[in-house]
């Protein structure tokens, strides 16, 4: 990135439209990779997204010069953080925004969760590499369709103040 600073902050229901635009732009390449235009991030409605934002999920957004350029969300199952929908606008991918979002999310949920878990598609090599660099380890693979195997990954979190 240049001199501009990416600001990461909580997203609000009012961000639903912009978040949906970024999410769709980011997932088009995934849909093409798997030959499936109906993957859930592309068919999620604005109303569904507003409900997520109004609920107890943690949704962080990355903003650069007033432009929403990325996001990530997390839900919880007991003491496990379920990470999903890490997205960065296509023109800024590969510049550390996804890494910054993940690092901020892990810091945000560290007191509430003992570990973060996520999954990505087996053909999404850049995603798998990013998650490995961030300390996630593959736990299993799950074939969910003829064209798609999910790679499940997990990272234990260190509680704040004990690192």
Protein backbone atom coordinates (compact mmCIF):
# COMPACT_ATOMS: atom_id res chain seq x y z
CA UNK A 1 0.00 0.00 0.00
CA UNK A 2 1.13 3.56 -0.48
CA UNK A 3 1.00 6.34 2.07
CA UNK A 4 -2.73 5.81 2.65
CA UNK A 5 -3.59 3.82 5.73
CA UNK A 6 -6.15 1.07 5.77
CA UNK A 7 -8.41 1.52 8.80
CA UNK A 8 -10.01 -1.60 10.25
CA UNK A 9 -13.16 -1.13 12.31
CA UNK A 10 -16.46 -2.79 13.18
CA UNK A 11 -19.02 -2.85 10.40
CA UNK A 12 -22.60 -1.74 11.05
CA UNK A 13 -25.94 -2.60 9.41
CA UNK A 14 -25.63 0.62 7.38
CA UNK A 15 -22.56 -0.92 5.68
CA UNK A 16 -24.57 -3.82 4.21
CA UNK A 17 -24.79 -2.43 0.67
CA UNK A 18 -21.10 -1.65 0.35
CA UNK A 19 -20.14 -4.94 2.04
CA UNK A 20 -22.32 -6.86 -0.40
CA UNK A 21 -20.68 -5.13 -3.36
CA UNK A 22 -17.18 -5.94 -2.09
CA UNK A 23 -18.18 -9.52 -1.24
CA UNK A 24 -19.64 -10.16 -4.69
CA UNK A 25 -16.65 -8.60 -6.46
CA UNK A 26 -14.24 -10.68 -4.38
CA UNK A 27 -16.08 -13.98 -4.85
CA UNK A 28 -16.56 -13.82 -8.63
CA UNK A 29 -13.08 -15.30 -9.13
CA UNK A 30 -13.93 -18.13 -6.71
CA UNK A 31 -17.15 -18.85 -8.59
CA UNK A 32 -15.20 -18.97 -11.86
CA UNK A 33 -12.51 -21.19 -10.32
CA UNK A 34 -15.11 -23.76 -9.26
CA UNK A 35 -17.53 -23.25 -12.14
CA UNK A 36 -20.34 -22.45 -9.71
CA UNK A 37 -22.11 -19.07 -9.92
CA UNK A 38 -24.36 -19.97 -6.98
CA UNK A 39 -21.83 -20.09 -4.14
CA UNK A 40 -23.39 -18.68 -0.97
CA UNK A 41 -21.42 -15.39 -0.84
CA UNK A 42 -22.81 -14.52 -4.28
CA UNK A 43 -26.43 -15.34 -3.51
CA UNK A 44 -26.62 -13.88 0.00
CA UNK A 45 -29.23 -11.11 0.06
CA UNK A 46 -28.81 -7.61 1.47
CA UNK A 47 -31.44 -8.49 4.09
CA UNK A 48 -29.49 -11.60 5.18
CA UNK A 49 -26.33 -9.51 5.45
CA UNK A 50 -28.11 -6.79 7.48
CA UNK A 51 -29.29 -9.51 9.92
CA UNK A 52 -25.72 -10.74 10.33
CA UNK A 53 -24.54 -7.18 10.99
CA UNK A 54 -27.32 -6.57 13.53
CA UNK A 55 -26.72 -9.88 15.32
CA UNK A 56 -23.92 -11.10 17.57
CA UNK A 57 -21.44 -11.80 14.76
CA UNK A 58 -18.22 -9.80 14.68
CA UNK A 59 -17.87 -8.14 11.28
CA UNK A 60 -14.81 -6.03 10.58
CA UNK A 61 -14.34 -3.79 7.55
CA UNK A 62 -11.22 -2.35 5.97
CA UNK A 63 -11.55 1.24 4.74
CA UNK A 64 -9.04 3.06 2.54
CA UNK A 65 -9.64 6.75 1.74
CA UNK A 66 -13.34 6.39 2.53
CA UNK A 67 -13.70 3.29 0.33
CA UNK A 68 -14.71 -0.03 1.87
CA UNK A 69 -12.02 -2.38 0.48
CA UNK A 70 -12.38 -5.56 2.53
CA UNK A 71 -14.17 -7.36 5.32
CA UNK A 72 -14.21 -10.49 7.44
CA UNK A 73 -16.82 -11.94 9.74
CA UNK A 74 -16.93 -14.29 12.67
CA UNK A 75 -19.61 -16.21 14.52
CA UNK A 76 -19.15 -18.23 17.66
CA UNK A 77 -19.85 -21.80 18.69
CA UNK A 78 -19.03 -22.05 22.39
CA UNK A 79 -15.34 -21.01 22.63
CA UNK A 80 -14.62 -21.44 18.92
CA UNK A 81 -14.59 -18.56 16.46
CA UNK A 82 -15.99 -19.52 13.05
CA UNK A 83 -14.27 -17.22 10.53
CA UNK A 84 -15.97 -16.55 7.23
CA UNK A 85 -16.26 -14.30 4.24
CA UNK A 86 -12.74 -12.84 4.22
CA UNK A 87 -12.98 -10.52 1.22
CA UNK A 88 -10.77 -7.88 -0.40
CA UNK A 89 -11.66 -5.91 -3.52
CA UNK A 90 -9.99 -7.47 -6.56
CA UNK A 91 -7.87 -4.41 -7.43
CA UNK A 92 -6.21 -4.42 -3.99
CA UNK A 93 -5.75 -8.16 -3.37
CA UNK A 94 -2.25 -9.29 -2.45
CA UNK A 95 -1.37 -6.09 -0.56
CA UNK A 96 -1.83 -7.27 3.02
CA UNK A 97 -5.42 -6.14 3.61
CA UNK A 98 -6.66 -9.71 4.15
CA UNK A 99 -3.80 -10.38 6.56
CA UNK A 100 -4.61 -7.16 8.47
CA UNK A 101 -8.30 -8.09 8.68
CA UNK A 102 -7.48 -11.58 10.00
CA UNK A 103 -4.99 -10.24 12.56
CA UNK A 104 -7.52 -7.66 13.78
CA UNK A 105 -10.27 -10.29 13.97
CA UNK A 106 -8.10 -12.66 15.99
CA UNK A 107 -7.24 -9.85 18.41
CA UNK A 108 -10.91 -8.89 18.68
CA UNK A 109 -12.10 -12.41 19.55
CA UNK A 110 -9.12 -13.60 21.62
CA UNK A 111 -10.92 -13.25 24.96
CA UNK A 112 -14.10 -14.89 23.70
CA UNK A 113 -12.63 -17.84 21.75
CA UNK A 114 -9.87 -20.38 22.31
CA UNK A 115 -9.40 -21.04 18.59
CA UNK A 116 -10.42 -19.83 15.16
CA UNK A 117 -11.60 -22.25 12.49
CA UNK A 118 -12.32 -21.63 8.82
CA UNK A 119 -12.57 -23.38 5.51
CA UNK A 120 -11.73 -22.59 1.91
CA UNK A 121 -11.97 -24.48 -1.35
CA UNK A 122 -9.20 -26.87 -2.35
CA UNK A 123 -8.45 -24.93 -5.56
CA UNK A 124 -8.08 -21.61 -3.71
CA UNK A 125 -4.32 -21.92 -3.31
CA UNK A 126 -3.68 -18.26 -2.44
CA UNK A 127 -6.22 -18.51 0.40
CA UNK A 128 -4.63 -21.69 1.78
CA UNK A 129 -1.17 -20.06 1.61
CA UNK A 130 -2.43 -16.94 3.43
CA UNK A 131 -4.04 -18.96 6.21
CA UNK A 132 -0.92 -21.14 6.64
CA UNK A 133 1.25 -18.00 6.89
CA UNK A 134 -1.12 -16.74 9.59
CA UNK A 135 -0.63 -19.92 11.63
CA UNK A 136 -3.64 -21.99 10.57
CA UNK A 137 -3.15 -25.73 10.17
CA UNK A 138 -5.23 -27.99 7.98
CA UNK A 139 -7.42 -30.28 10.08
CA UNK A 140 -9.36 -32.16 7.40
CA UNK A 141 -10.73 -32.12 3.87
CA UNK A 142 -14.42 -32.52 3.12
CA UNK A 143 -15.72 -33.30 -0.35
CA UNK A 144 -19.03 -31.44 -0.65
CA UNK A 145 -19.60 -31.67 -4.41
CA UNK A 146 -17.97 -33.24 -7.45
CA UNK A 147 -16.16 -29.95 -8.11
CA UNK A 148 -15.47 -28.87 -4.51
CA UNK A 149 -13.51 -30.14 -1.56
CA UNK A 150 -13.37 -27.89 1.49
CA UNK A 151 -10.05 -27.49 3.29
CA UNK A 152 -10.81 -27.02 7.01
CA UNK A 153 -8.17 -25.14 9.03
CA UNK A 154 -7.71 -24.21 12.70
CA UNK A 155 -5.56 -21.86 14.75
CA UNK A 156 -5.39 -21.83 18.55
CA UNK A 157 -5.62 -18.34 20.04
CA UNK A 158 -3.49 -17.08 22.87
CA UNK A 159 -5.62 -15.19 25.43
CA UNK A 160 -4.86 -11.48 25.63
CA UNK A 161 -2.19 -10.67 28.17
CA UNK A 162 -0.63 -14.14 28.20
CA UNK A 163 1.46 -13.95 25.03
